[in-house]
C-alpha atoms as a PDB file:
ATOM      1  CA  UNK A   1       5.140  -2.597 -21.916  1.00  0.00           C
ATOM      2  CA  UNK A   2       9.084  -0.794 -20.720  1.00  0.00           C
ATOM      3  CA  UNK A   3       9.116   1.075 -17.494  1.00  0.00           C
ATOM      4  CA  UNK A   4      11.064   3.687 -16.646  1.00  0.00           C
ATOM      5  CA  UNK A   5      12.104   5.588 -13.157  1.00  0.00           C
ATOM      6  CA  UNK A   6      14.580   8.121 -12.987  1.00  0.00           C
ATOM      7  CA  UNK A   7      16.942   6.491 -10.191  1.00  0.00           C
ATOM      8  CA  UNK A   8      20.024   5.392  -9.477  1.00  0.00           C
ATOM      9  CA  UNK A   9      21.100   1.818  -8.423  1.00  0.00           C
ATOM     10  CA  UNK A  10      21.575   2.881  -5.355  1.00  0.00           C
ATOM     11  CA  UNK A  11      17.887   4.458  -5.317  1.00  0.00           C
ATOM     12  CA  UNK A  12      16.627   1.441  -6.065  1.00  0.00           C
ATOM     13  CA  UNK A  13      18.632  -0.540  -3.617  1.00  0.00           C
ATOM     14  CA  UNK A  14      17.447   2.207  -0.731  1.00  0.00           C
ATOM     15  CA  UNK A  15      14.013   1.673  -1.902  1.00  0.00           C
ATOM     16  CA  UNK A  16      13.764  -1.754  -2.058  1.00  0.00           C
ATOM     17  CA  UNK A  17      15.023  -2.459   1.245  1.00  0.00           C
ATOM     18  CA  UNK A  18      12.380   0.345   3.072  1.00  0.00           C
ATOM     19  CA  UNK A  19       9.399  -1.013   1.069  1.00  0.00           C
ATOM     20  CA  UNK A  20      10.405  -4.746   1.596  1.00  0.00           C
ATOM     21  CA  UNK A  21      10.118  -3.506   5.365  1.00  0.00           C
ATOM     22  CA  UNK A  22       7.135  -1.136   5.021  1.00  0.00           C
ATOM     23  CA  UNK A  23       5.350  -4.154   3.946  1.00  0.00           C
ATOM     24  CA  UNK A  24       6.490  -6.458   5.836  1.00  0.00           C
ATOM     25  CA  UNK A  25       4.951  -4.449   8.620  1.00  0.00           C
ATOM     26  CA  UNK A  26       1.348  -3.971   7.074  1.00  0.00           C
ATOM     27  CA  UNK A  27       1.198  -7.607   6.170  1.00  0.00           C
ATOM     28  CA  UNK A  28       1.697  -8.233  10.101  1.00  0.00           C
ATOM     29  CA  UNK A  29      -0.083  -6.039  11.737  1.00  0.00           C
ATOM     30  CA  UNK A  30      -3.321  -5.399   9.017  1.00  0.00           C
ATOM     31  CA  UNK A  31      -3.850  -9.635  10.206  1.00  0.00           C
ATOM     32  CA  UNK A  32      -2.749  -8.054  13.685  1.00  0.00           C
ATOM     33  CA  UNK A  33      -5.723  -5.470  13.198  1.00  0.00           C
ATOM     34  CA  UNK A  34      -8.634  -8.392  12.550  1.00  0.00           C
ATOM     35  CA  UNK A  35      -8.606  -9.411  15.976  1.00  0.00           C
ATOM     36  CA  UNK A  36      -7.032  -5.885  17.939  1.00  0.00           C
ATOM     37  CA  UNK A  37      -9.583  -3.240  15.592  1.00  0.00           C
ATOM     38  CA  UNK A  38      -9.368  -1.199  18.189  1.00  0.00           C
ATOM     39  CA  UNK A  39      -6.173  -0.669  19.122  1.00  0.00           C
ATOM     40  CA  UNK A  40      -4.570   3.060  18.095  1.00  0.00           C
ATOM     41  CA  UNK A  41      -1.146   2.533  18.134  1.00  0.00           C
ATOM     42  CA  UNK A  42      -1.572  -0.858  15.899  1.00  0.00           C
ATOM     43  CA  UNK A  43      -3.352   1.616  13.473  1.00  0.00           C
ATOM     44  CA  UNK A  44      -1.517   4.637  13.325  1.00  0.00           C
ATOM     45  CA  UNK A  45       1.595   2.100  12.729  1.00  0.00           C
ATOM     46  CA  UNK A  46      -0.470   0.313  10.074  1.00  0.00           C
ATOM     47  CA  UNK A  47      -1.316   4.178   8.176  1.00  0.00           C
ATOM     48  CA  UNK A  48       2.700   5.364   9.109  1.00  0.00           C
ATOM     49  CA  UNK A  49       4.130   2.699   6.841  1.00  0.00           C
ATOM     50  CA  UNK A  50       1.396   2.851   3.965  1.00  0.00           C
ATOM     51  CA  UNK A  51       1.795   7.069   4.410  1.00  0.00           C
ATOM     52  CA  UNK A  52       6.042   5.856   3.967  1.00  0.00           C
ATOM     53  CA  UNK A  53       4.942   3.725   1.029  1.00  0.00           C
ATOM     54  CA  UNK A  54       2.793   6.508  -0.975  1.00  0.00           C
ATOM     55  CA  UNK A  55       5.936   9.222   0.003  1.00  0.00           C
ATOM     56  CA  UNK A  56       8.453   6.887  -1.816  1.00  0.00           C
ATOM     57  CA  UNK A  57       6.874   5.771  -4.776  1.00  0.00           C
ATOM     58  CA  UNK A  58       6.249   9.266  -5.218  1.00  0.00           C
ATOM     59  CA  UNK A  59       9.947  10.126  -4.633  1.00  0.00           C
ATOM     60  CA  UNK A  60      10.627   7.632  -7.932  1.00  0.00           C
ATOM     61  CA  UNK A  61       7.763   8.656  -9.805  1.00  0.00           C
ATOM     62  CA  UNK A  62       5.707   5.043  -9.245  1.00  0.00           C
ATOM     63  CA  UNK A  63       2.878   6.419 -10.083  1.00  0.00           C
ATOM     64  CA  UNK A  64       0.552   3.008 -10.475  1.00  0.00           C
ATOM     65  CA  UNK A  65       2.377   2.123  -6.591  1.00  0.00           C
ATOM     66  CA  UNK A  66       1.785   5.129  -5.460  1.00  0.00           C
ATOM     67  CA  UNK A  67      -2.068   5.602  -6.738  1.00  0.00           C
ATOM     68  CA  UNK A  68      -3.219   2.126  -5.646  1.00  0.00           C
ATOM     69  CA  UNK A  69      -1.145   3.807  -1.878  1.00  0.00           C
ATOM     70  CA  UNK A  70      -2.876   6.423  -1.681  1.00  0.00           C
ATOM     71  CA  UNK A  71      -6.093   4.889  -1.677  1.00  0.00           C
ATOM     72  CA  UNK A  72      -5.152   2.105   0.365  1.00  0.00           C
ATOM     73  CA  UNK A  73      -4.079   5.407   2.715  1.00  0.00           C
ATOM     74  CA  UNK A  74      -7.227   6.705   2.559  1.00  0.00           C
ATOM     75  CA  UNK A  75      -9.196   3.784   3.773  1.00  0.00           C
ATOM     76  CA  UNK A  76      -6.898   3.830   6.965  1.00  0.00           C
ATOM     77  CA  UNK A  77      -7.126   7.103   7.537  1.00  0.00           C
ATOM     78  CA  UNK A  78     -10.712   6.586   7.713  1.00  0.00           C
ATOM     79  CA  UNK A  79     -10.433   3.413   9.932  1.00  0.00           C
ATOM     80  CA  UNK A  80      -7.424   5.278  12.183  1.00  0.00           C
ATOM     81  CA  UNK A  81     -10.548   8.167  12.987  1.00  0.00           C
ATOM     82  CA  UNK A  82     -13.025   5.386  13.221  1.00  0.00           C
ATOM     83  CA  UNK A  83     -14.997   6.517  10.465  1.00  0.00           C
ATOM     84  CA  UNK A  84     -15.011   2.930   8.997  1.00  0.00           C
ATOM     85  CA  UNK A  85     -15.076  -0.219  10.825  1.00  0.00           C
ATOM     86  CA  UNK A  86     -13.031  -3.746  10.071  1.00  0.00           C
ATOM     87  CA  UNK A  87     -14.945  -6.710   8.503  1.00  0.00           C
ATOM     88  CA  UNK A  88     -12.986  -9.308   7.511  1.00  0.00           C
ATOM     89  CA  UNK A  89     -14.418  -8.295   3.953  1.00  0.00           C
ATOM     90  CA  UNK A  90     -12.077  -4.781   4.243  1.00  0.00           C
ATOM     91  CA  UNK A  91      -9.262  -6.550   6.012  1.00  0.00           C
ATOM     92  CA  UNK A  92      -9.037  -9.085   2.253  1.00  0.00           C
ATOM     93  CA  UNK A  93      -9.426  -6.192   0.389  1.00  0.00           C
ATOM     94  CA  UNK A  94      -6.657  -3.773   2.571  1.00  0.00           C
ATOM     95  CA  UNK A  95      -4.416  -7.968   2.319  1.00  0.00           C
ATOM     96  CA  UNK A  96      -5.520  -8.241  -1.689  1.00  0.00           C
ATOM     97  CA  UNK A  97      -3.744  -3.982  -1.993  1.00  0.00           C
ATOM     98  CA  UNK A  98      -0.561  -4.964  -0.089  1.00  0.00           C
ATOM     99  CA  UNK A  99      -0.771  -8.204  -2.725  1.00  0.00           C
ATOM    100  CA  UNK A 100      -0.955  -5.648  -5.495  1.00  0.00           C
ATOM    101  CA  UNK A 101       1.546  -3.208  -4.283  1.00  0.00           C
ATOM    102  CA  UNK A 102       4.558  -6.320  -3.850  1.00  0.00           C
ATOM    103  CA  UNK A 103       3.952  -6.756  -7.413  1.00  0.00           C
ATOM    104  CA  UNK A 104       4.261  -3.258  -8.212  1.00  0.00           C
ATOM    105  CA  UNK A 105       7.472  -2.828  -6.011  1.00  0.00           C
ATOM    106  CA  UNK A 106       8.578  -5.502  -8.247  1.00  0.00           C
ATOM    107  CA  UNK A 107       7.905  -3.376 -11.277  1.00  0.00           C
ATOM    108  CA  UNK A 108      11.240  -1.236 -10.606  1.00  0.00           C
ATOM    109  CA  UNK A 109      13.210  -4.543 -11.133  1.00  0.00           C
ATOM    110  CA  UNK A 110      12.016  -6.105 -13.976  1.00  0.00           C
ATOM    111  CA  UNK A 111      11.233  -2.658 -15.479  1.00  0.00           C
ATOM    112  CA  UNK A 112       7.837  -4.595 -17.148  1.00  0.00           C
ATOM    113  CA  UNK A 113       4.722  -3.677 -16.270  1.00  0.00           C
ATOM    114  CA  UNK A 114       3.106  -6.903 -14.039  1.00  0.00           C
ATOM    115  CA  UNK A 115      -0.371  -7.584 -14.297  1.00  0.00           C
ATOM    116  CA  UNK A 116      -1.458  -5.648 -11.281  1.00  0.00           C
ATOM    117  CA  UNK A 117      -5.266  -3.532 -12.531  1.00  0.00           C
ATOM    118  CA  UNK A 118      -4.450  -0.404 -10.175  1.00  0.00           C
ATOM    119  CA  UNK A 119      -7.820   0.848 -11.555  1.00  0.00           C
ATOM    120  CA  UNK A 120      -9.735  -2.058  -9.949  1.00  0.00           C
ATOM    121  CA  UNK A 121      -7.556  -2.066  -6.930  1.00  0.00           C
ATOM    122  CA  UNK A 122      -8.457   1.631  -6.348  1.00  0.00           C
ATOM    123  CA  UNK A 123     -12.474   1.289  -7.235  1.00  0.00           C
ATOM    124  CA  UNK A 124     -12.373  -1.334  -5.064  1.00  0.00           C
ATOM    125  CA  UNK A 125     -11.282   1.175  -1.843  1.00  0.00           C
ATOM    126  CA  UNK A 126     -12.813   3.821  -3.037  1.00  0.00           C
ATOM    127  CA  UNK A 127     -15.992   1.458  -2.540  1.00  0.00           C
ATOM    128  CA  UNK A 128     -15.051   1.797   1.301  1.00  0.00           C
ATOM    129  CA  UNK A 129     -13.854   5.251   1.421  1.00  0.00           C
ATOM    130  CA  UNK A 130     -17.300   6.688  -0.084  1.00  0.00           C
ATOM    131  CA  UNK A 131     -15.343   7.937  -2.853  1.00  0.00           C
END
């Protein structure tokens, strides 16, 4: 299904550059989180990266990406506030969500909907955040 985004080529370039940076930060930091689950600075950086991704996706009206990132941000906020424990299973779910975000990012370039099942990914994240 073809996707349309109301963005200029310059806006696409800026979005891709920042998104790639935030996703790389998430990848690296989430792996570190497994061994440092109580590191407040690390948790804050992870949350901030997800928050930035959500905001950027919303700005360009990439609704699928914004929806998944919002669910991820909610889970990360619970971890950050000590209401959700970091487990290997949670790390796997978070990393899977980040992989989904990488594929969703590419929709901006291809203008074709990826095979990411956003509803299932969001549902899985909600199962961790009590939603």
